[in-house]
Amino acid sequence: MKYYLKMSADEIHLVFKEWNQGELNSYLIEITSDILAFKDTDGNPLVDKILPDKRVLENGLLLLH
């Protein structure tokens, strides 16, 4: 949503919040919404400070070290 729809973390948070109030109501949707809404001490979304690994974007797999 961020890269393809050019949405901000706050906009994506609102989408997930809306989804969680409907048929998609689930714990995972709820915590995703909460994570997207979380702000760092400077007031900016913390999720924007997490840098994506290029390998994750290419193949969809998360590599844990």
C-alpha atoms as a PDB file:
ATOM      1  CA  MET A   1       0.000   0.000   0.000  1.00  0.00           C
ATOM      2  CA  LYS A   2       2.866   2.311   0.830  1.00  0.00           C
ATOM      3  CA  TYR A   3       4.843   1.675  -2.339  1.00  0.00           C
ATOM      4  CA  TYR A   4       2.152   0.897  -4.904  1.00  0.00           C
ATOM      5  CA  LEU A   5      -0.661   3.173  -3.708  1.00  0.00           C
ATOM      6  CA  LYS A   6       1.689   5.834  -2.297  1.00  0.00           C
ATOM      7  CA  MET A   7      -0.181   5.864   1.023  1.00  0.00           C
ATOM      8  CA  SER A   8       1.293   7.172   4.276  1.00  0.00           C
ATOM      9  CA  ALA A   9       1.429   5.103   7.455  1.00  0.00           C
ATOM     10  CA  ASP A  10      -1.444   7.180   8.856  1.00  0.00           C
ATOM     11  CA  GLU A  11      -3.587   6.523   5.776  1.00  0.00           C
ATOM     12  CA  ILE A  12      -2.843   2.790   5.873  1.00  0.00           C
ATOM     13  CA  HIS A  13      -3.642   2.770   9.606  1.00  0.00           C
ATOM     14  CA  LEU A  14      -7.093   4.171   8.855  1.00  0.00           C
ATOM     15  CA  VAL A  15      -7.717   1.508   6.198  1.00  0.00           C
ATOM     16  CA  PHE A  16      -6.764  -1.300   8.594  1.00  0.00           C
ATOM     17  CA  LYS A  17      -8.842   0.286  11.356  1.00  0.00           C
ATOM     18  CA  GLU A  18     -11.863   0.342   9.032  1.00  0.00           C
ATOM     19  CA  TRP A  19     -11.249  -3.255   7.950  1.00  0.00           C
ATOM     20  CA  ASN A  20     -11.094  -4.314  11.593  1.00  0.00           C
ATOM     21  CA  GLN A  21     -14.589  -2.910  12.195  1.00  0.00           C
ATOM     22  CA  GLY A  22     -16.082  -5.115   9.488  1.00  0.00           C
ATOM     23  CA  GLU A  23     -15.881  -8.662   8.232  1.00  0.00           C
ATOM     24  CA  LEU A  24     -12.069  -8.728   8.506  1.00  0.00           C
ATOM     25  CA  ASN A  25     -12.208  -8.130  12.271  1.00  0.00           C
ATOM     26  CA  SER A  26      -9.249 -10.034  13.720  1.00  0.00           C
ATOM     27  CA  TYR A  27      -6.367  -9.694  16.126  1.00  0.00           C
ATOM     28  CA  LEU A  28      -3.810  -9.457  13.306  1.00  0.00           C
ATOM     29  CA  ILE A  29      -5.674  -6.641  11.544  1.00  0.00           C
ATOM     30  CA  GLU A  30      -6.035  -4.847  14.892  1.00  0.00           C
ATOM     31  CA  ILE A  31      -2.357  -5.022  15.848  1.00  0.00           C
ATOM     32  CA  THR A  32      -1.300  -4.049  12.318  1.00  0.00           C
ATOM     33  CA  SER A  33      -3.457  -0.944  12.649  1.00  0.00           C
ATOM     34  CA  ASP A  34      -1.948  -0.204  16.073  1.00  0.00           C
ATOM     35  CA  ILE A  35       1.614  -0.644  14.790  1.00  0.00           C
ATOM     36  CA  LEU A  36       0.968   1.699  11.863  1.00  0.00           C
ATOM     37  CA  ALA A  37      -0.422   4.339  14.255  1.00  0.00           C
ATOM     38  CA  PHE A  38       2.517   4.145  16.695  1.00  0.00           C
ATOM     39  CA  LYS A  39       4.652   7.296  16.700  1.00  0.00           C
ATOM     40  CA  ASP A  40       8.319   7.643  17.633  1.00  0.00           C
ATOM     41  CA  THR A  41       9.499  10.284  20.107  1.00  0.00           C
ATOM     42  CA  ASP A  42       9.818  12.783  17.247  1.00  0.00           C
ATOM     43  CA  GLY A  43       6.142  12.336  16.329  1.00  0.00           C
ATOM     44  CA  ASN A  44       6.748  10.456  13.078  1.00  0.00           C
ATOM     45  CA  PRO A  45       5.414   6.935  12.432  1.00  0.00           C
ATOM     46  CA  LEU A  46       7.913   4.412  13.778  1.00  0.00           C
ATOM     47  CA  VAL A  47       7.131   1.986  10.956  1.00  0.00           C
ATOM     48  CA  ASP A  48       8.583   4.482   8.451  1.00  0.00           C
ATOM     49  CA  LYS A  49      11.954   4.179  10.178  1.00  0.00           C
ATOM     50  CA  ILE A  50      12.167   0.437   9.588  1.00  0.00           C
ATOM     51  CA  LEU A  51      14.102  -0.028   6.381  1.00  0.00           C
ATOM     52  CA  PRO A  52      12.869  -2.754   4.050  1.00  0.00           C
ATOM     53  CA  ASP A  53      15.337  -5.403   2.958  1.00  0.00           C
ATOM     54  CA  LYS A  54      15.506  -5.506  -0.837  1.00  0.00           C
ATOM     55  CA  ARG A  55      15.406  -9.314  -0.742  1.00  0.00           C
ATOM     56  CA  VAL A  56      12.057  -9.200   1.087  1.00  0.00           C
ATOM     57  CA  LEU A  57      10.540  -6.956  -1.563  1.00  0.00           C
ATOM     58  CA  GLU A  58      11.796  -9.166  -4.402  1.00  0.00           C
ATOM     59  CA  ASN A  59      10.603 -12.566  -3.239  1.00  0.00           C
ATOM     60  CA  GLY A  60       8.117 -11.857  -0.435  1.00  0.00           C
ATOM     61  CA  LEU A  61      10.083 -13.913   2.108  1.00  0.00           C
ATOM     62  CA  LEU A  62      11.334 -12.459   5.345  1.00  0.00           C
ATOM     63  CA  LEU A  63      14.873 -13.509   6.181  1.00  0.00           C
ATOM     64  CA  LEU A  64      15.600 -13.606   9.918  1.00  0.00           C
ATOM     65  CA  HIS A  65      19.138 -13.498  11.238  1.00  0.00           C
END
